């Protein structure tokens, strides 16, 4: 059962559970505030506990607003430039072609009647164009780590550049295909490293030191580069 609670001018969705024994608070991706509570906690205690965490809530909300503000969305007009593996390709709108979007020589061609759904066409293009490139690059970078994944997939990972899944599968964000190869290599090596060492601890850092000695420099460059790319923000996680 869900109810709402107002504290400090903010509205919280209260979710009670008979199995829960402690209070908890989350701020979801959309900015919704959710209180997780045991069934027997009364509203006065909820009010008091939530009020003590308002500073944390406001900080999280401010972070989400900052991230959203830094996401660059393209306009899909002729002359606008889109990156593929670090190289810029200008966009040209055309009246007719057999597919909505294609890369031809040194430019992207977008059919005018597909302009309204261009973001989806670009997403599909990056996934299709990047799939084989990433699989080949993973095979190359696996030599640095000494471990190869069972499967490589390209998909939408939201705020993450890549992730390491179960059964030795690795996943990469299609947005990664905008990056220069040296930064894509950092993401690839990072995820392959998790096949050997799952946690971000000292052993993981030592593994990256051996496989990619300048990985910290590439990590910093990646964080700064993200804010200049479409569909990304300056705090993409890696």
Protein backbone atom coordinates (compact mmCIF):
# COMPACT_ATOMS: atom_id res chain seq x y z
CA UNK A 1 0.00 0.00 0.00
CA UNK A 2 1.32 3.46 -0.93
CA UNK A 3 0.48 6.84 0.59
CA UNK A 4 2.07 10.28 0.40
CA UNK A 5 3.80 12.43 3.01
CA UNK A 6 4.75 16.12 2.78
CA UNK A 7 7.89 17.26 4.62
CA UNK A 8 9.70 20.55 4.12
CA UNK A 9 7.66 21.41 1.05
CA UNK A 10 8.51 18.10 -0.65
CA UNK A 11 6.12 15.27 -1.38
CA UNK A 12 7.26 11.71 -0.63
CA UNK A 13 5.66 8.48 -1.78
CA UNK A 14 5.47 6.13 1.22
CA UNK A 15 5.75 2.43 0.54
CA UNK A 16 5.17 0.16 3.54
CA UNK A 17 6.13 -3.48 3.79
CA UNK A 18 5.56 -6.09 6.47
CA UNK A 19 8.97 -7.56 5.69
CA UNK A 20 10.85 -4.31 6.12
CA UNK A 21 12.43 -3.52 9.51
CA UNK A 22 14.19 -0.19 8.83
CA UNK A 23 13.39 3.13 7.19
CA UNK A 24 14.89 3.94 3.82
CA UNK A 25 14.80 6.75 1.27
CA UNK A 26 15.49 6.80 -2.47
CA UNK A 27 15.43 9.45 -5.17
CA UNK A 28 14.62 7.70 -8.43
CA UNK A 29 15.88 8.71 -11.87
CA UNK A 30 12.82 10.82 -12.51
CA UNK A 31 13.31 12.73 -9.25
CA UNK A 32 10.44 11.02 -7.39
CA UNK A 33 11.03 10.76 -3.63
CA UNK A 34 10.22 7.37 -2.14
CA UNK A 35 10.11 6.44 1.55
CA UNK A 36 10.43 2.73 2.38
CA UNK A 37 8.98 1.92 5.79
CA UNK A 38 7.87 -0.97 8.01
CA UNK A 39 4.09 -1.26 8.35
CA UNK A 40 4.03 -0.30 12.06
CA UNK A 41 5.97 2.98 11.87
CA UNK A 42 3.59 5.86 12.61
CA UNK A 43 3.42 9.10 10.63
CA UNK A 44 5.01 11.22 13.36
CA UNK A 45 8.15 9.08 13.33
CA UNK A 46 8.19 9.15 9.53
CA UNK A 47 7.96 12.95 9.59
CA UNK A 48 10.81 13.26 12.10
CA UNK A 49 13.07 10.77 10.32
CA UNK A 50 12.46 12.30 6.88
CA UNK A 51 13.01 15.85 8.13
CA UNK A 52 16.45 14.83 9.42
CA UNK A 53 17.40 13.79 5.87
CA UNK A 54 16.15 16.81 3.94
CA UNK A 55 19.66 18.15 3.32
CA UNK A 56 20.63 14.87 1.64
CA UNK A 57 17.42 14.93 -0.42
CA UNK A 58 17.98 18.48 -1.67
CA UNK A 59 21.58 17.63 -2.57
CA UNK A 60 20.45 14.62 -4.62
CA UNK A 61 17.77 16.64 -6.39
CA UNK A 62 20.30 19.36 -7.23
CA UNK A 63 22.67 16.74 -8.67
CA UNK A 64 19.93 15.35 -10.88
CA UNK A 65 19.00 18.82 -12.15
CA UNK A 66 22.67 19.50 -12.94
CA UNK A 67 23.00 16.24 -14.84
CA UNK A 68 19.87 16.87 -16.85
CA UNK A 69 20.97 20.39 -17.72
CA UNK A 70 24.25 19.13 -19.14
CA UNK A 71 22.75 16.62 -21.58
CA UNK A 72 23.28 17.90 -25.14
CA UNK A 73 20.49 17.14 -27.57
CA UNK A 74 21.05 17.60 -31.32
CA UNK A 75 18.80 19.70 -33.55
CA UNK A 76 19.30 17.50 -36.64
CA UNK A 77 19.91 20.34 -39.06
CA UNK A 78 22.27 20.45 -42.02
CA UNK A 79 25.82 21.30 -40.97
CA UNK A 80 25.47 19.88 -37.45
CA UNK A 81 28.35 17.53 -36.65
CA UNK A 82 28.10 14.00 -35.21
CA UNK A 83 31.09 11.97 -34.01
CA UNK A 84 31.91 8.39 -34.84
CA UNK A 85 35.00 6.97 -33.10
CA UNK A 86 36.18 10.49 -32.38
CA UNK A 87 35.90 11.78 -35.95
CA UNK A 88 33.31 14.49 -36.72
CA UNK A 89 30.89 13.94 -39.59
CA UNK A 90 28.62 16.81 -40.70
CA UNK A 91 24.94 16.11 -41.27
CA UNK A 92 23.12 16.83 -44.51
CA UNK A 93 19.35 16.62 -44.92
CA UNK A 94 18.26 15.02 -48.19
CA UNK A 95 14.88 14.73 -49.88
CA UNK A 96 15.16 11.06 -50.83
CA UNK A 97 17.20 7.96 -50.05
CA UNK A 98 16.38 4.31 -49.46
CA UNK A 99 17.08 4.40 -45.69
CA UNK A 100 16.32 7.15 -43.15
CA UNK A 101 19.98 7.59 -42.14
CA UNK A 102 23.32 6.58 -43.58
CA UNK A 103 26.98 7.49 -43.32
CA UNK A 104 28.28 8.21 -46.81
CA UNK A 105 31.92 9.11 -47.16
CA UNK A 106 32.59 12.03 -44.83
CA UNK A 107 29.01 12.95 -43.87
CA UNK A 108 25.77 11.64 -42.44
CA UNK A 109 22.74 11.81 -44.74
CA UNK A 110 19.33 12.08 -43.05
CA UNK A 111 16.10 11.91 -45.02
CA UNK A 112 13.95 14.94 -44.31
CA UNK A 113 10.81 12.96 -43.52
CA UNK A 114 12.79 11.14 -40.78
CA UNK A 115 13.91 14.32 -39.03
CA UNK A 116 11.27 13.99 -36.31
CA UNK A 117 12.51 10.52 -35.34
CA UNK A 118 16.19 11.17 -36.07
CA UNK A 119 17.37 10.46 -32.52
CA UNK A 120 16.08 6.89 -32.76
CA UNK A 121 17.64 6.41 -36.21
CA UNK A 122 21.01 7.57 -34.91
CA UNK A 123 20.75 5.24 -31.91
CA UNK A 124 20.05 2.28 -34.20
CA UNK A 125 22.83 3.32 -36.54
CA UNK A 126 25.42 3.49 -33.75
CA UNK A 127 24.33 0.10 -32.41
CA UNK A 128 24.51 -1.59 -35.81
CA UNK A 129 27.73 0.13 -36.94
CA UNK A 130 29.43 -0.32 -33.59
CA UNK A 131 28.56 -3.95 -32.88
CA UNK A 132 31.28 -5.58 -35.01
CA UNK A 133 33.80 -2.83 -34.29
CA UNK A 134 33.40 -3.30 -30.55
CA UNK A 135 33.62 -7.08 -30.77
CA UNK A 136 36.86 -6.83 -32.75
CA UNK A 137 38.23 -4.22 -30.34
CA UNK A 138 37.32 -6.34 -27.32
CA UNK A 139 39.27 -9.25 -28.79
CA UNK A 140 42.25 -6.92 -29.21
CA UNK A 141 42.02 -5.40 -25.71
CA UNK A 142 41.43 -8.79 -24.07
CA UNK A 143 45.11 -9.50 -24.61
CA UNK A 144 45.96 -6.68 -22.19
CA UNK A 145 43.82 -8.18 -19.42
CA UNK A 146 44.29 -11.87 -20.13
CA UNK A 147 40.56 -12.59 -20.00
CA UNK A 148 37.96 -12.66 -22.75
CA UNK A 149 34.18 -12.29 -22.36
CA UNK A 150 31.72 -14.94 -23.44
CA UNK A 151 29.51 -12.34 -25.11
CA UNK A 152 29.71 -8.67 -26.19
CA UNK A 153 26.54 -6.58 -26.62
CA UNK A 154 25.80 -2.96 -27.56
CA UNK A 155 22.70 -1.41 -26.02
CA UNK A 156 21.32 1.61 -24.17
CA UNK A 157 22.85 1.60 -20.68
CA UNK A 158 21.51 4.95 -19.54
CA UNK A 159 24.17 6.76 -17.48
CA UNK A 160 26.81 4.01 -17.77
CA UNK A 161 29.45 3.61 -20.49
CA UNK A 162 29.65 -0.13 -19.94
CA UNK A 163 28.88 -2.96 -17.56
CA UNK A 164 29.96 -6.50 -16.84
CA UNK A 165 27.09 -8.95 -16.54
CA UNK A 166 26.63 -12.52 -15.46
CA UNK A 167 28.20 -15.44 -17.30
CA UNK A 168 31.17 -13.28 -18.40
CA UNK A 169 29.08 -11.05 -20.69
CA UNK A 170 30.10 -7.41 -21.23
CA UNK A 171 27.75 -4.64 -22.35
CA UNK A 172 28.61 -1.29 -23.89
CA UNK A 173 26.55 1.87 -24.27
CA UNK A 174 25.92 2.84 -27.90
CA UNK A 175 26.94 6.41 -26.95
CA UNK A 176 30.47 5.04 -26.56
CA UNK A 177 30.80 4.93 -30.37
CA UNK A 178 31.13 8.72 -30.40
CA UNK A 179 34.38 8.57 -28.41
CA UNK A 180 37.93 8.54 -29.78
CA UNK A 181 39.35 5.01 -29.93
CA UNK A 182 41.78 5.60 -27.04
CA UNK A 183 38.89 6.48 -24.72
CA UNK A 184 36.76 3.61 -25.98
CA UNK A 185 39.74 1.38 -25.20
CA UNK A 186 39.72 2.62 -21.60
CA UNK A 187 36.04 1.67 -21.20
CA UNK A 188 36.63 -1.72 -22.80
CA UNK A 189 39.67 -2.51 -20.64
CA UNK A 190 37.80 -1.33 -17.55
CA UNK A 191 34.92 -3.74 -18.16
CA UNK A 192 37.21 -6.61 -19.15
CA UNK A 193 39.07 -6.02 -15.90
CA UNK A 194 35.89 -6.87 -14.01
CA UNK A 195 36.04 -10.37 -15.47
CA UNK A 196 39.16 -10.82 -13.34
CA UNK A 197 38.43 -8.53 -10.38
CA UNK A 198 34.73 -7.67 -9.84
CA UNK A 199 35.21 -4.85 -7.31
CA UNK A 200 36.76 -1.37 -7.57
CA UNK A 201 39.49 -1.99 -5.06
CA UNK A 202 43.27 -1.93 -4.90
CA UNK A 203 43.64 -5.15 -6.89
CA UNK A 204 41.45 -3.76 -9.65
CA UNK A 205 43.57 -0.59 -9.84
CA UNK A 206 46.74 -2.67 -10.01
CA UNK A 207 45.23 -4.73 -12.81
CA UNK A 208 44.48 -1.58 -14.81
CA UNK A 209 47.96 -0.22 -14.06
CA UNK A 210 49.45 -3.28 -15.76
CA UNK A 211 47.02 -3.40 -18.67
CA UNK A 212 46.73 0.33 -19.39
CA UNK A 213 49.33 2.40 -17.47
CA UNK A 214 47.72 5.77 -18.34
CA UNK A 215 44.17 4.68 -17.48
CA UNK A 216 43.69 7.45 -14.90
CA UNK A 217 44.49 10.10 -17.51
CA UNK A 218 42.05 8.49 -19.94
CA UNK A 219 39.41 8.30 -17.20
CA UNK A 220 39.71 12.05 -16.52
CA UNK A 221 39.63 12.83 -20.24
CA UNK A 222 36.52 10.68 -20.63
CA UNK A 223 34.69 12.62 -17.92
CA UNK A 224 35.47 15.94 -19.59
CA UNK A 225 34.79 14.68 -23.11
CA UNK A 226 31.30 13.43 -22.26
CA UNK A 227 29.88 16.94 -21.86
CA UNK A 228 30.76 17.71 -25.49
CA UNK A 229 28.93 14.68 -26.91
CA UNK A 230 25.30 14.35 -27.87
CA UNK A 231 23.01 12.28 -25.65
CA UNK A 232 25.62 12.22 -22.86
CA UNK A 233 26.29 14.25 -19.71
CA UNK A 234 29.42 15.28 -17.88
CA UNK A 235 29.08 12.64 -15.17
CA UNK A 236 28.61 9.50 -17.20
CA UNK A 237 29.65 6.69 -14.84
CA UNK A 238 32.68 4.50 -15.33
